[in-house]
Amino acid sequence: MDDLDAAFEPVRAVWREAAWPGVVEEPSYGTPALKVRGKLIVRLREPGILALRCEMDEKEFLMMAAPEIYFETEHYKGWPAVLIRLDSIDPSELRERMENTWRRLATKKMVQEYEAGG
């Protein structure tokens, strides 16, 4: 396991526990990422930093409410993604954020399957 794979392992652990239908691991910009229907949920930007797809209003709220966890760089200004300090976020909060993104991108059938317990 290389450094990027090792750094992404906490995200994989959340994914394995949640078992959201349709989610696959595929590289994005050369780093590990989770996608549903070909659309990015989350990716490792660099060891210790995740890029999570989210709505712009949610991004602004998260950065104001918890700047020790959520932030952006110039590159992400104006984009529907927020950066996350992986060592600062509780796994349950990470799961909630990832699930919110998954629910927006998944089909109704996938969501119904998940809510029915698999």
PDB file of N, CA and C in Angstrom:
ATOM      1  N   MET A   1       0.855  -1.175   0.000  1.00  0.00           N
ATOM      2  CA  MET A   1       0.000   0.000   0.000  1.00  0.00           C
ATOM      3  C   MET A   1       0.905   1.243   0.000  1.00  0.00           C
ATOM      4  N   ASP A   2       0.689   2.132  -0.960  1.00  0.00           N
ATOM      5  CA  ASP A   2       1.509   3.345  -1.002  1.00  0.00           C
ATOM      6  C   ASP A   2       0.929   4.419  -0.080  1.00  0.00           C
ATOM      7  N   ASP A   3       1.612   5.567  -0.005  1.00  0.00           N
ATOM      8  CA  ASP A   3       1.201   6.641   0.908  1.00  0.00           C
ATOM      9  C   ASP A   3      -0.205   7.146   0.624  1.00  0.00           C
ATOM     10  N   LEU A   4      -0.567   7.278  -0.659  1.00  0.00           N
ATOM     11  CA  LEU A   4      -1.899   7.774  -0.999  1.00  0.00           C
ATOM     12  C   LEU A   4      -2.968   6.770  -0.586  1.00  0.00           C
ATOM     13  N   ASP A   5      -2.716   5.500  -0.844  1.00  0.00           N
ATOM     14  CA  ASP A   5      -3.678   4.475  -0.438  1.00  0.00           C
ATOM     15  C   ASP A   5      -3.837   4.451   1.077  1.00  0.00           C
ATOM     16  N   ALA A   6      -2.735   4.526   1.782  1.00  0.00           N
ATOM     17  CA  ALA A   6      -2.785   4.528   3.247  1.00  0.00           C
ATOM     18  C   ALA A   6      -3.534   5.762   3.759  1.00  0.00           C
ATOM     19  N   ALA A   7      -3.310   6.897   3.154  1.00  0.00           N
ATOM     20  CA  ALA A   7      -3.970   8.133   3.574  1.00  0.00           C
ATOM     21  C   ALA A   7      -5.474   8.091   3.320  1.00  0.00           C
ATOM     22  N   PHE A   8      -5.901   7.321   2.308  1.00  0.00           N
ATOM     23  CA  PHE A   8      -7.319   7.241   1.954  1.00  0.00           C
ATOM     24  C   PHE A   8      -8.061   6.183   2.771  1.00  0.00           C
ATOM     25  N   GLU A   9      -7.337   5.374   3.524  1.00  0.00           N
ATOM     26  CA  GLU A   9      -7.959   4.263   4.249  1.00  0.00           C
ATOM     27  C   GLU A   9      -9.075   4.697   5.201  1.00  0.00           C
ATOM     28  N   PRO A  10      -8.976   5.820   5.930  1.00  0.00           N
ATOM     29  CA  PRO A  10     -10.110   6.230   6.774  1.00  0.00           C
ATOM     30  C   PRO A  10     -11.391   6.491   5.972  1.00  0.00           C
ATOM     31  N   VAL A  11     -11.247   6.981   4.757  1.00  0.00           N
ATOM     32  CA  VAL A  11     -12.409   7.224   3.898  1.00  0.00           C
ATOM     33  C   VAL A  11     -13.002   5.888   3.445  1.00  0.00           C
ATOM     34  N   ARG A  12     -12.126   4.956   3.078  1.00  0.00           N
ATOM     35  CA  ARG A  12     -12.595   3.614   2.701  1.00  0.00           C
ATOM     36  C   ARG A  12     -13.338   2.953   3.853  1.00  0.00           C
ATOM     37  N   ALA A  13     -12.852   3.141   5.069  1.00  0.00           N
ATOM     38  CA  ALA A  13     -13.508   2.537   6.236  1.00  0.00           C
ATOM     39  C   ALA A  13     -14.935   3.061   6.381  1.00  0.00           C
ATOM     40  N   VAL A  14     -15.122   4.360   6.195  1.00  0.00           N
ATOM     41  CA  VAL A  14     -16.460   4.958   6.251  1.00  0.00           C
ATOM     42  C   VAL A  14     -17.329   4.358   5.149  1.00  0.00           C
ATOM     43  N   TRP A  15     -16.789   4.256   3.958  1.00  0.00           N
ATOM     44  CA  TRP A  15     -17.523   3.723   2.799  1.00  0.00           C
ATOM     45  C   TRP A  15     -17.922   2.266   3.033  1.00  0.00           C
ATOM     46  N   ARG A  16     -16.979   1.465   3.513  1.00  0.00           N
ATOM     47  CA  ARG A  16     -17.286   0.042   3.749  1.00  0.00           C
ATOM     48  C   ARG A  16     -18.405  -0.104   4.775  1.00  0.00           C
ATOM     49  N   GLU A  17     -18.357   0.696   5.832  1.00  0.00           N
ATOM     50  CA  GLU A  17     -19.382   0.620   6.870  1.00  0.00           C
ATOM     51  C   GLU A  17     -20.740   1.058   6.342  1.00  0.00           C
ATOM     52  N   ALA A  18     -20.759   2.122   5.566  1.00  0.00           N
ATOM     53  CA  ALA A  18     -22.022   2.671   5.052  1.00  0.00           C
ATOM     54  C   ALA A  18     -22.627   1.802   3.955  1.00  0.00           C
ATOM     55  N   ALA A  19     -21.796   1.251   3.093  1.00  0.00           N
ATOM     56  CA  ALA A  19     -22.239   0.392   1.986  1.00  0.00           C
ATOM     57  C   ALA A  19     -23.302   1.059   1.107  1.00  0.00           C
ATOM     58  N   TRP A  20     -23.014   2.300   0.679  1.00  0.00           N
ATOM     59  CA  TRP A  20     -23.945   2.994  -0.209  1.00  0.00           C
ATOM     60  C   TRP A  20     -23.966   2.303  -1.567  1.00  0.00           C
ATOM     61  N   PRO A  21     -25.142   1.996  -2.088  1.00  0.00           N
ATOM     62  CA  PRO A  21     -25.228   1.349  -3.403  1.00  0.00           C
ATOM     63  C   PRO A  21     -24.622   2.219  -4.508  1.00  0.00           C
ATOM     64  N   GLY A  22     -23.946   1.560  -5.436  1.00  0.00           N
ATOM     65  CA  GLY A  22     -23.430   2.231  -6.624  1.00  0.00           C
ATOM     66  C   GLY A  22     -22.101   2.926  -6.463  1.00  0.00           C
ATOM     67  N   VAL A  23     -21.550   2.975  -5.254  1.00  0.00           N
ATOM     68  CA  VAL A  23     -20.287   3.682  -5.035  1.00  0.00           C
ATOM     69  C   VAL A  23     -19.123   2.778  -5.440  1.00  0.00           C
ATOM     70  N   VAL A  24     -18.208   3.357  -6.192  1.00  0.00           N
ATOM     71  CA  VAL A  24     -17.007   2.643  -6.621  1.00  0.00           C
ATOM     72  C   VAL A  24     -15.791   3.506  -6.333  1.00  0.00           C
ATOM     73  N   GLU A  25     -14.668   2.831  -6.163  1.00  0.00           N
ATOM     74  CA  GLU A  25     -13.415   3.559  -6.004  1.00  0.00           C
ATOM     75  C   GLU A  25     -12.739   3.626  -7.361  1.00  0.00           C
ATOM     76  N   GLU A  26     -12.473   4.834  -7.803  1.00  0.00           N
ATOM     77  CA  GLU A  26     -11.773   5.091  -9.066  1.00  0.00           C
ATOM     78  C   GLU A  26     -10.859   6.283  -8.852  1.00  0.00           C
ATOM     79  N   PRO A  27      -9.683   6.248  -9.429  1.00  0.00           N
ATOM     80  CA  PRO A  27      -8.792   7.402  -9.271  1.00  0.00           C
ATOM     81  C   PRO A  27      -9.378   8.674  -9.887  1.00  0.00           C
ATOM     82  N   SER A  28      -9.039   9.790  -9.270  1.00  0.00           N
ATOM     83  CA  SER A  28      -9.405  11.096  -9.797  1.00  0.00           C
ATOM     84  C   SER A  28      -8.166  11.971  -9.688  1.00  0.00           C
ATOM     85  N   TYR A  29      -7.703  12.477 -10.796  1.00  0.00           N
ATOM     86  CA  TYR A  29      -6.480  13.277 -10.841  1.00  0.00           C
ATOM     87  C   TYR A  29      -5.314  12.536 -10.172  1.00  0.00           C
ATOM     88  N   GLY A  30      -5.284  11.219 -10.355  1.00  0.00           N
ATOM     89  CA  GLY A  30      -4.180  10.410  -9.862  1.00  0.00           C
ATOM     90  C   GLY A  30      -4.228  10.063  -8.390  1.00  0.00           C
ATOM     91  N   THR A  31      -5.332  10.388  -7.723  1.00  0.00           N
ATOM     92  CA  THR A  31      -5.452  10.047  -6.306  1.00  0.00           C
ATOM     93  C   THR A  31      -6.704   9.207  -6.084  1.00  0.00           C
ATOM     94  N   PRO A  32      -6.754   8.443  -4.988  1.00  0.00           N
ATOM     95  CA  PRO A  32      -7.939   7.628  -4.709  1.00  0.00           C
ATOM     96  C   PRO A  32      -9.180   8.500  -4.552  1.00  0.00           C
ATOM     97  N   ALA A  33     -10.306   7.977  -5.048  1.00  0.00           N
ATOM     98  CA  ALA A  33     -11.563   8.723  -5.003  1.00  0.00           C
ATOM     99  C   ALA A  33     -12.739   7.760  -4.960  1.00  0.00           C
ATOM    100  N   LEU A  34     -13.858   8.241  -4.461  1.00  0.00           N
ATOM    101  CA  LEU A  34     -15.122   7.505  -4.496  1.00  0.00           C
ATOM    102  C   LEU A  34     -16.082   8.261  -5.395  1.00  0.00           C
ATOM    103  N   LYS A  35     -16.764   7.480  -6.230  1.00  0.00           N
ATOM    104  CA  LYS A  35     -17.713   8.059  -7.178  1.00  0.00           C
ATOM    105  C   LYS A  35     -18.994   7.235  -7.188  1.00  0.00           C
ATOM    106  N   VAL A  36     -20.065   7.868  -7.627  1.00  0.00           N
ATOM    107  CA  VAL A  36     -21.316   7.182  -7.901  1.00  0.00           C
ATOM    108  C   VAL A  36     -21.815   7.694  -9.246  1.00  0.00           C
ATOM    109  N   ARG A  37     -22.196   6.761 -10.114  1.00  0.00           N
ATOM    110  CA  ARG A  37     -22.659   7.110 -11.457  1.00  0.00           C
ATOM    111  C   ARG A  37     -21.630   7.971 -12.195  1.00  0.00           C
ATOM    112  N   GLY A  38     -20.345   7.727 -11.928  1.00  0.00           N
ATOM    113  CA  GLY A  38     -19.272   8.468 -12.585  1.00  0.00           C
ATOM    114  C   GLY A  38     -19.015   9.853 -12.030  1.00  0.00           C
ATOM    115  N   LYS A  39     -19.751  10.224 -10.985  1.00  0.00           N
ATOM    116  CA  LYS A  39     -19.611  11.566 -10.412  1.00  0.00           C
ATOM    117  C   LYS A  39     -18.891  11.484  -9.072  1.00  0.00           C
ATOM    118  N   LEU A  40     -17.979  12.403  -8.875  1.00  0.00           N
ATOM    119  CA  LEU A  40     -17.146  12.428  -7.688  1.00  0.00           C
ATOM    120  C   LEU A  40     -17.945  12.700  -6.418  1.00  0.00           C
ATOM    121  N   ILE A  41     -17.690  11.880  -5.396  1.00  0.00           N
ATOM    122  CA  ILE A  41     -18.189  12.141  -4.047  1.00  0.00           C
ATOM    123  C   ILE A  41     -17.062  12.797  -3.258  1.00  0.00           C
ATOM    124  N   VAL A  42     -15.935  12.108  -3.192  1.00  0.00           N
ATOM    125  CA  VAL A  42     -14.797  12.581  -2.418  1.00  0.00           C
ATOM    126  C   VAL A  42     -13.516  12.016  -3.027  1.00  0.00           C
ATOM    127  N   ARG A  43     -12.436  12.794  -2.921  1.00  0.00           N
ATOM    128  CA  ARG A  43     -11.148  12.300  -3.373  1.00  0.00           C
ATOM    129  C   ARG A  43     -10.059  12.810  -2.448  1.00  0.00           C
ATOM    130  N   LEU A  44      -8.970  12.085  -2.444  1.00  0.00           N
ATOM    131  CA  LEU A  44      -7.812  12.517  -1.687  1.00  0.00           C
ATOM    132  C   LEU A  44      -7.084  13.550  -2.529  1.00  0.00           C
ATOM    133  N   ARG A  45      -6.998  14.755  -2.024  1.00  0.00           N
ATOM    134  CA  ARG A  45      -6.277  15.805  -2.758  1.00  0.00           C
ATOM    135  C   ARG A  45      -4.779  15.615  -2.570  1.00  0.00           C
ATOM    136  N   GLU A  46      -4.410  15.310  -1.336  1.00  0.00           N
ATOM    137  CA  GLU A  46      -3.031  15.017  -0.947  1.00  0.00           C
ATOM    138  C   GLU A  46      -3.140  14.318   0.397  1.00  0.00           C
ATOM    139  N   PRO A  47      -2.115  13.647   0.876  1.00  0.00           N
ATOM    140  CA  PRO A  47      -2.243  12.984   2.169  1.00  0.00           C
ATOM    141  C   PRO A  47      -2.726  13.962   3.252  1.00  0.00           C
ATOM    142  N   GLY A  48      -3.812  13.570   3.917  1.00  0.00           N
ATOM    143  CA  GLY A  48      -4.369  14.394   4.980  1.00  0.00           C
ATOM    144  C   GLY A  48      -5.425  15.395   4.553  1.00  0.00           C
ATOM    145  N   ILE A  49      -5.619  15.587   3.247  1.00  0.00           N
ATOM    146  CA  ILE A  49      -6.592  16.568   2.737  1.00  0.00           C
ATOM    147  C   ILE A  49      -7.536  15.893   1.738  1.00  0.00           C
ATOM    148  N   LEU A  50      -8.834  16.011   1.999  1.00  0.00           N
ATOM    149  CA  LEU A  50      -9.853  15.495   1.095  1.00  0.00           C
ATOM    150  C   LEU A  50     -10.533  16.643   0.368  1.00  0.00           C
ATOM    151  N   ALA A  51     -10.996  16.367  -0.827  1.00  0.00           N
ATOM    152  CA  ALA A  51     -11.874  17.277  -1.553  1.00  0.00           C
ATOM    153  C   ALA A  51     -13.235  16.599  -1.625  1.00  0.00           C
ATOM    154  N   LEU A  52     -14.244  17.226  -1.043  1.00  0.00           N
ATOM    155  CA  LEU A  52     -15.595  16.684  -0.991  1.00  0.00           C
ATOM    156  C   LEU A  52     -16.518  17.541  -1.827  1.00  0.00           C
ATOM    157  N   ARG A  53     -17.236  16.915  -2.735  1.00  0.00           N
ATOM    158  CA  ARG A  53     -18.225  17.643  -3.519  1.00  0.00           C
ATOM    159  C   ARG A  53     -19.362  18.052  -2.595  1.00  0.00           C
ATOM    160  N   CYS A  54     -19.817  19.290  -2.704  1.00  0.00           N
ATOM    161  CA  CYS A  54     -20.941  19.763  -1.898  1.00  0.00           C
ATOM    162  C   CYS A  54     -21.563  20.985  -2.571  1.00  0.00           C
ATOM    163  N   GLU A  55     -22.725  21.338  -2.098  1.00  0.00           N
ATOM    164  CA  GLU A  55     -23.400  22.526  -2.611  1.00  0.00           C
ATOM    165  C   GLU A  55     -22.662  23.770  -2.117  1.00  0.00           C
ATOM    166  N   MET A  56     -22.717  24.850  -2.883  1.00  0.00           N
ATOM    167  CA  MET A  56     -21.987  26.065  -2.534  1.00  0.00           C
ATOM    168  C   MET A  56     -22.441  26.648  -1.186  1.00  0.00           C
ATOM    169  N   ASP A  57     -23.745  26.655  -0.911  1.00  0.00           N
ATOM    170  CA  ASP A  57     -24.206  27.206   0.365  1.00  0.00           C
ATOM    171  C   ASP A  57     -23.747  26.344   1.535  1.00  0.00           C
ATOM    172  N   GLU A  58     -23.712  25.041   1.341  1.00  0.00           N
ATOM    173  CA  GLU A  58     -23.211  24.132   2.368  1.00  0.00           C
ATOM    174  C   GLU A  58     -21.719  24.378   2.601  1.00  0.00           C
ATOM    175  N   LYS A  59     -20.980  24.563   1.522  1.00  0.00           N
ATOM    176  CA  LYS A  59     -19.540  24.830   1.612  1.00  0.00           C
ATOM    177  C   LYS A  59     -19.281  26.075   2.456  1.00  0.00           C
ATOM    178  N   GLU A  60     -19.977  27.150   2.156  1.00  0.00           N
ATOM    179  CA  GLU A  60     -19.790  28.402   2.898  1.00  0.00           C
ATOM    180  C   GLU A  60     -20.120  28.213   4.377  1.00  0.00           C
ATOM    181  N   PHE A  61     -21.217  27.517   4.642  1.00  0.00           N
ATOM    182  CA  PHE A  61     -21.615  27.264   6.022  1.00  0.00           C
ATOM    183  C   PHE A  61     -20.552  26.462   6.765  1.00  0.00           C
ATOM    184  N   LEU A  62     -20.075  25.376   6.151  1.00  0.00           N
ATOM    185  CA  LEU A  62     -19.084  24.517   6.799  1.00  0.00           C
ATOM    186  C   LEU A  62     -17.793  25.276   7.101  1.00  0.00           C
ATOM    187  N   MET A  63     -17.338  26.075   6.151  1.00  0.00           N
ATOM    188  CA  MET A  63     -16.091  26.815   6.362  1.00  0.00           C
ATOM    189  C   MET A  63     -16.239  27.847   7.478  1.00  0.00           C
ATOM    190  N   MET A  64     -17.422  28.444   7.617  1.00  0.00           N
ATOM    191  CA  MET A  64     -17.645  29.408   8.699  1.00  0.00           C
ATOM    192  C   MET A  64     -17.815  28.696  10.039  1.00  0.00           C
ATOM    193  N   ALA A  65     -18.549  27.581  10.047  1.00  0.00           N
ATOM    194  CA  ALA A  65     -18.862  26.885  11.290  1.00  0.00           C
ATOM    195  C   ALA A  65     -17.667  26.135  11.869  1.00  0.00           C
ATOM    196  N   ALA A  66     -16.812  25.586  11.008  1.00  0.00           N
ATOM    197  CA  ALA A  66     -15.699  24.763  11.491  1.00  0.00           C
ATOM    198  C   ALA A  66     -14.457  24.963  10.613  1.00  0.00           C
ATOM    199  N   PRO A  67     -13.847  26.144  10.668  1.00  0.00           N
ATOM    200  CA  PRO A  67     -12.681  26.413   9.812  1.00  0.00           C
ATOM    201  C   PRO A  67     -11.468  25.547  10.146  1.00  0.00           C
ATOM    202  N   GLU A  68     -11.473  24.926  11.309  1.00  0.00           N
ATOM    203  CA  GLU A  68     -10.386  24.020  11.645  1.00  0.00           C
ATOM    204  C   GLU A  68     -10.483  22.703  10.870  1.00  0.00           C
ATOM    205  N   ILE A  69     -11.662  22.429  10.312  1.00  0.00           N
ATOM    206  CA  ILE A  69     -11.895  21.212   9.520  1.00  0.00           C
ATOM    207  C   ILE A  69     -12.017  21.535   8.038  1.00  0.00           C
ATOM    208  N   TYR A  70     -12.848  22.523   7.699  1.00  0.00           N
ATOM    209  CA  TYR A  70     -13.220  22.810   6.314  1.00  0.00           C
ATOM    210  C   TYR A  70     -12.558  24.096   5.823  1.00  0.00           C
ATOM    211  N   PHE A  71     -12.052  24.058   4.608  1.00  0.00           N
ATOM    212  CA  PHE A  71     -11.401  25.233   4.035  1.00  0.00           C
ATOM    213  C   PHE A  71     -11.391  25.110   2.516  1.00  0.00           C
ATOM    214  N   GLU A  72     -10.855  26.132   1.863  1.00  0.00           N
ATOM    215  CA  GLU A  72     -10.661  26.092   0.421  1.00  0.00           C
ATOM    216  C   GLU A  72      -9.355  26.801   0.082  1.00  0.00           C
ATOM    217  N   THR A  73      -8.855  26.494  -1.096  1.00  0.00           N
ATOM    218  CA  THR A  73      -7.707  27.202  -1.641  1.00  0.00           C
ATOM    219  C   THR A  73      -8.215  28.004  -2.838  1.00  0.00           C
ATOM    220  N   GLU A  74      -7.369  28.837  -3.385  1.00  0.00           N
ATOM    221  CA  GLU A  74      -7.757  29.618  -4.572  1.00  0.00           C
ATOM    222  C   GLU A  74      -8.339  28.722  -5.656  1.00  0.00           C
ATOM    223  N   HIS A  75      -7.739  27.557  -5.844  1.00  0.00           N
ATOM    224  CA  HIS A  75      -8.171  26.628  -6.895  1.00  0.00           C
ATOM    225  C   HIS A  75      -9.636  26.220  -6.734  1.00  0.00           C
ATOM    226  N   TYR A  76     -10.119  26.132  -5.503  1.00  0.00           N
ATOM    227  CA  TYR A  76     -11.479  25.658  -5.241  1.00  0.00           C
ATOM    228  C   TYR A  76     -12.497  26.783  -5.086  1.00  0.00           C
ATOM    229  N   LYS A  77     -12.067  28.029  -5.130  1.00  0.00           N
ATOM    230  CA  LYS A  77     -13.024  29.140  -5.029  1.00  0.00           C
ATOM    231  C   LYS A  77     -13.991  29.073  -6.212  1.00  0.00           C
ATOM    232  N   GLY A  78     -15.277  29.158  -5.898  1.00  0.00           N
ATOM    233  CA  GLY A  78     -16.297  29.113  -6.937  1.00  0.00           C
ATOM    234  C   GLY A  78     -16.663  27.709  -7.397  1.00  0.00           C
ATOM    235  N   TRP A  79     -16.048  26.693  -6.839  1.00  0.00           N
ATOM    236  CA  TRP A  79     -16.342  25.304  -7.211  1.00  0.00           C
ATOM    237  C   TRP A  79     -17.130  24.629  -6.100  1.00  0.00           C
ATOM    238  N   PRO A  80     -18.050  23.737  -6.462  1.00  0.00           N
ATOM    239  CA  PRO A  80     -18.867  23.057  -5.446  1.00  0.00           C
ATOM    240  C   PRO A  80     -18.102  21.910  -4.783  1.00  0.00           C
ATOM    241  N   ALA A  81     -17.023  22.266  -4.110  1.00  0.00           N
ATOM    242  CA  ALA A  81     -16.223  21.288  -3.363  1.00  0.00           C
ATOM    243  C   ALA A  81     -15.544  22.014  -2.217  1.00  0.00           C
ATOM    244  N   VAL A  82     -15.465  21.326  -1.094  1.00  0.00           N
ATOM    245  CA  VAL A  82     -14.802  21.881   0.078  1.00  0.00           C
ATOM    246  C   VAL A  82     -13.646  20.955   0.448  1.00  0.00           C
ATOM    247  N   LEU A  83     -12.584  21.537   0.969  1.00  0.00           N
ATOM    248  CA  LEU A  83     -11.450  20.747   1.420  1.00  0.00           C
ATOM    249  C   LEU A  83     -11.620  20.426   2.899  1.00  0.00           C
ATOM    250  N   ILE A  84     -11.181  19.230   3.264  1.00  0.00           N
ATOM    251  CA  ILE A  84     -11.344  18.728   4.629  1.00  0.00           C
ATOM    252  C   ILE A  84      -9.992  18.272   5.166  1.00  0.00           C
ATOM    253  N   ARG A  85      -9.672  18.716   6.364  1.00  0.00           N
ATOM    254  CA  ARG A  85      -8.483  18.209   7.066  1.00  0.00           C
ATOM    255  C   ARG A  85      -8.887  16.880   7.694  1.00  0.00           C
ATOM    256  N   LEU A  86      -8.401  15.801   7.123  1.00  0.00           N
ATOM    257  CA  LEU A  86      -8.831  14.465   7.518  1.00  0.00           C
ATOM    258  C   LEU A  86      -8.532  14.170   8.988  1.00  0.00           C
ATOM    259  N   ASP A  87      -7.442  14.679   9.499  1.00  0.00           N
ATOM    260  CA  ASP A  87      -7.121  14.400  10.899  1.00  0.00           C
ATOM    261  C   ASP A  87      -7.946  15.231  11.878  1.00  0.00           C
ATOM    262  N   SER A  88      -8.752  16.163  11.381  1.00  0.00           N
ATOM    263  CA  SER A  88      -9.565  17.022  12.242  1.00  0.00           C
ATOM    264  C   SER A  88     -11.044  16.668  12.242  1.00  0.00           C
ATOM    265  N   ILE A  89     -11.468  15.792  11.337  1.00  0.00           N
ATOM    266  CA  ILE A  89     -12.894  15.478  11.240  1.00  0.00           C
ATOM    267  C   ILE A  89     -13.189  14.139  11.906  1.00  0.00           C
ATOM    268  N   ASP A  90     -14.268  14.128  12.667  1.00  0.00           N
ATOM    269  CA  ASP A  90     -14.731  12.900  13.303  1.00  0.00           C
ATOM    270  C   ASP A  90     -15.280  11.966  12.218  1.00  0.00           C
ATOM    271  N   PRO A  91     -15.004  10.663  12.294  1.00  0.00           N
ATOM    272  CA  PRO A  91     -15.514   9.745  11.264  1.00  0.00           C
ATOM    273  C   PRO A  91     -17.022   9.815  11.064  1.00  0.00           C
ATOM    274  N   SER A  92     -17.789  10.057  12.135  1.00  0.00           N
ATOM    275  CA  SER A  92     -19.245  10.142  11.972  1.00  0.00           C
ATOM    276  C   SER A  92     -19.640  11.385  11.179  1.00  0.00           C
ATOM    277  N   GLU A  93     -18.916  12.481  11.361  1.00  0.00           N
ATOM    278  CA  GLU A  93     -19.202  13.691  10.581  1.00  0.00           C
ATOM    279  C   GLU A  93     -18.784  13.490   9.128  1.00  0.00           C
ATOM    280  N   LEU A  94     -17.651  12.836   8.918  1.00  0.00           N
ATOM    281  CA  LEU A  94     -17.222  12.538   7.550  1.00  0.00           C
ATOM    282  C   LEU A  94     -18.271  11.682   6.849  1.00  0.00           C
ATOM    283  N   ARG A  95     -18.779  10.691   7.549  1.00  0.00           N
ATOM    284  CA  ARG A  95     -19.810   9.831   6.967  1.00  0.00           C
ATOM    285  C   ARG A  95     -21.042  10.650   6.592  1.00  0.00           C
ATOM    286  N   GLU A  96     -21.469  11.539   7.475  1.00  0.00           N
ATOM    287  CA  GLU A  96     -22.642  12.376   7.198  1.00  0.00           C
ATOM    288  C   GLU A  96     -22.413  13.230   5.949  1.00  0.00           C
ATOM    289  N   ARG A  97     -21.259  13.850   5.846  1.00  0.00           N
ATOM    290  CA  ARG A  97     -20.956  14.693   4.678  1.00  0.00           C
ATOM    291  C   ARG A  97     -20.922  13.858   3.400  1.00  0.00           C
ATOM    292  N   MET A  98     -20.268  12.702   3.451  1.00  0.00           N
ATOM    293  CA  MET A  98     -20.194  11.834   2.274  1.00  0.00           C
ATOM    294  C   MET A  98     -21.580  11.320   1.890  1.00  0.00           C
ATOM    295  N   GLU A  99     -22.385  10.968   2.888  1.00  0.00           N
ATOM    296  CA  GLU A  99     -23.727  10.471   2.594  1.00  0.00           C
ATOM    297  C   GLU A  99     -24.596  11.558   1.972  1.00  0.00           C
ATOM    298  N   ASN A 100     -24.486  12.785   2.455  1.00  0.00           N
ATOM    299  CA  ASN A 100     -25.244  13.887   1.855  1.00  0.00           C
ATOM    300  C   ASN A 100     -24.911  14.021   0.370  1.00  0.00           C
ATOM    301  N   THR A 101     -23.625  13.935   0.052  1.00  0.00           N
ATOM    302  CA  THR A 101     -23.205  14.037  -1.353  1.00  0.00           C
ATOM    303  C   THR A 101     -23.714  12.845  -2.139  1.00  0.00           C
ATOM    304  N   TRP A 102     -23.549  11.648  -1.579  1.00  0.00           N
ATOM    305  CA  TRP A 102     -24.028  10.438  -2.258  1.00  0.00           C
ATOM    306  C   TRP A 102     -25.522  10.552  -2.558  1.00  0.00           C
ATOM    307  N   ARG A 103     -26.312  10.984  -1.600  1.00  0.00           N
ATOM    308  CA  ARG A 103     -27.764  11.087  -1.801  1.00  0.00           C
ATOM    309  C   ARG A 103     -28.118  12.055  -2.930  1.00  0.00           C
ATOM    310  N   ARG A 104     -27.356  13.129  -3.083  1.00  0.00           N
ATOM    311  CA  ARG A 104     -27.626  14.076  -4.173  1.00  0.00           C
ATOM    312  C   ARG A 104     -27.282  13.481  -5.536  1.00  0.00           C
ATOM    313  N   LEU A 105     -26.306  12.581  -5.573  1.00  0.00           N
ATOM    314  CA  LEU A 105     -25.829  12.048  -6.853  1.00  0.00           C
ATOM    315  C   LEU A 105     -26.424  10.695  -7.226  1.00  0.00           C
ATOM    316  N   ALA A 106     -26.891   9.957  -6.239  1.00  0.00           N
ATOM    317  CA  ALA A 106     -27.429   8.615  -6.482  1.00  0.00           C
ATOM    318  C   ALA A 106     -28.814   8.695  -7.125  1.00  0.00           C
ATOM    319  N   THR A 107     -29.208   7.598  -7.731  1.00  0.00           N
ATOM    320  CA  THR A 107     -30.568   7.515  -8.269  1.00  0.00           C
ATOM    321  C   THR A 107     -31.554   7.299  -7.122  1.00  0.00           C
ATOM    322  N   LYS A 108     -32.817   7.574  -7.388  1.00  0.00           N
ATOM    323  CA  LYS A 108     -33.852   7.326  -6.378  1.00  0.00           C
ATOM    324  C   LYS A 108     -33.862   5.857  -5.985  1.00  0.00           C
ATOM    325  N   LYS A 109     -33.647   4.996  -6.956  1.00  0.00           N
ATOM    326  CA  LYS A 109     -33.639   3.558  -6.696  1.00  0.00           C
ATOM    327  C   LYS A 109     -32.496   3.184  -5.750  1.00  0.00           C
ATOM    328  N   MET A 110     -31.323   3.766  -5.947  1.00  0.00           N
ATOM    329  CA  MET A 110     -30.188   3.497  -5.059  1.00  0.00           C
ATOM    330  C   MET A 110     -30.499   3.948  -3.637  1.00  0.00           C
ATOM    331  N   VAL A 111     -31.087   5.126  -3.498  1.00  0.00           N
ATOM    332  CA  VAL A 111     -31.426   5.649  -2.181  1.00  0.00           C
ATOM    333  C   VAL A 111     -32.463   4.748  -1.524  1.00  0.00           C
ATOM    334  N   GLN A 112     -33.483   4.331  -2.269  1.00  0.00           N
ATOM    335  CA  GLN A 112     -34.507   3.447  -1.726  1.00  0.00           C
ATOM    336  C   GLN A 112     -33.901   2.122  -1.289  1.00  0.00           C
ATOM    337  N   GLU A 113     -32.991   1.594  -2.084  1.00  0.00           N
ATOM    338  CA  GLU A 113     -32.315   0.335  -1.742  1.00  0.00           C
ATOM    339  C   GLU A 113     -31.543   0.484  -0.440  1.00  0.00           C
ATOM    340  N   TYR A 114     -30.828   1.588  -0.305  1.00  0.00           N
ATOM    341  CA  TYR A 114     -30.039   1.858   0.899  1.00  0.00           C
ATOM    342  C   TYR A 114     -30.962   1.983   2.114  1.00  0.00           C
ATOM    343  N   GLU A 115     -32.023   2.737   1.966  1.00  0.00           N
ATOM    344  CA  GLU A 115     -32.935   2.957   3.084  1.00  0.00           C
ATOM    345  C   GLU A 115     -33.681   1.679   3.482  1.00  0.00           C
ATOM    346  N   ALA A 116     -33.846   0.751   2.530  1.00  0.00           N
ATOM    347  CA  ALA A 116     -34.504  -0.519   2.812  1.00  0.00           C
ATOM    348  C   ALA A 116     -33.550  -1.526   3.466  1.00  0.00           C
ATOM    349  N   GLY A 117     -32.288  -1.128   3.553  1.00  0.00           N
ATOM    350  CA  GLY A 117     -31.325  -2.006   4.215  1.00  0.00           C
ATOM    351  C   GLY A 117     -30.548  -2.906   3.283  1.00  0.00           C
ATOM    352  N   GLY A 118     -30.463  -2.534   2.025  1.00  0.00           N
ATOM    353  CA  GLY A 118     -29.613  -3.278   1.119  1.00  0.00           C
ATOM    354  C   GLY A 118     -30.368  -3.967   0.065  1.00  0.00           C
TER     355      GLY A 118
END
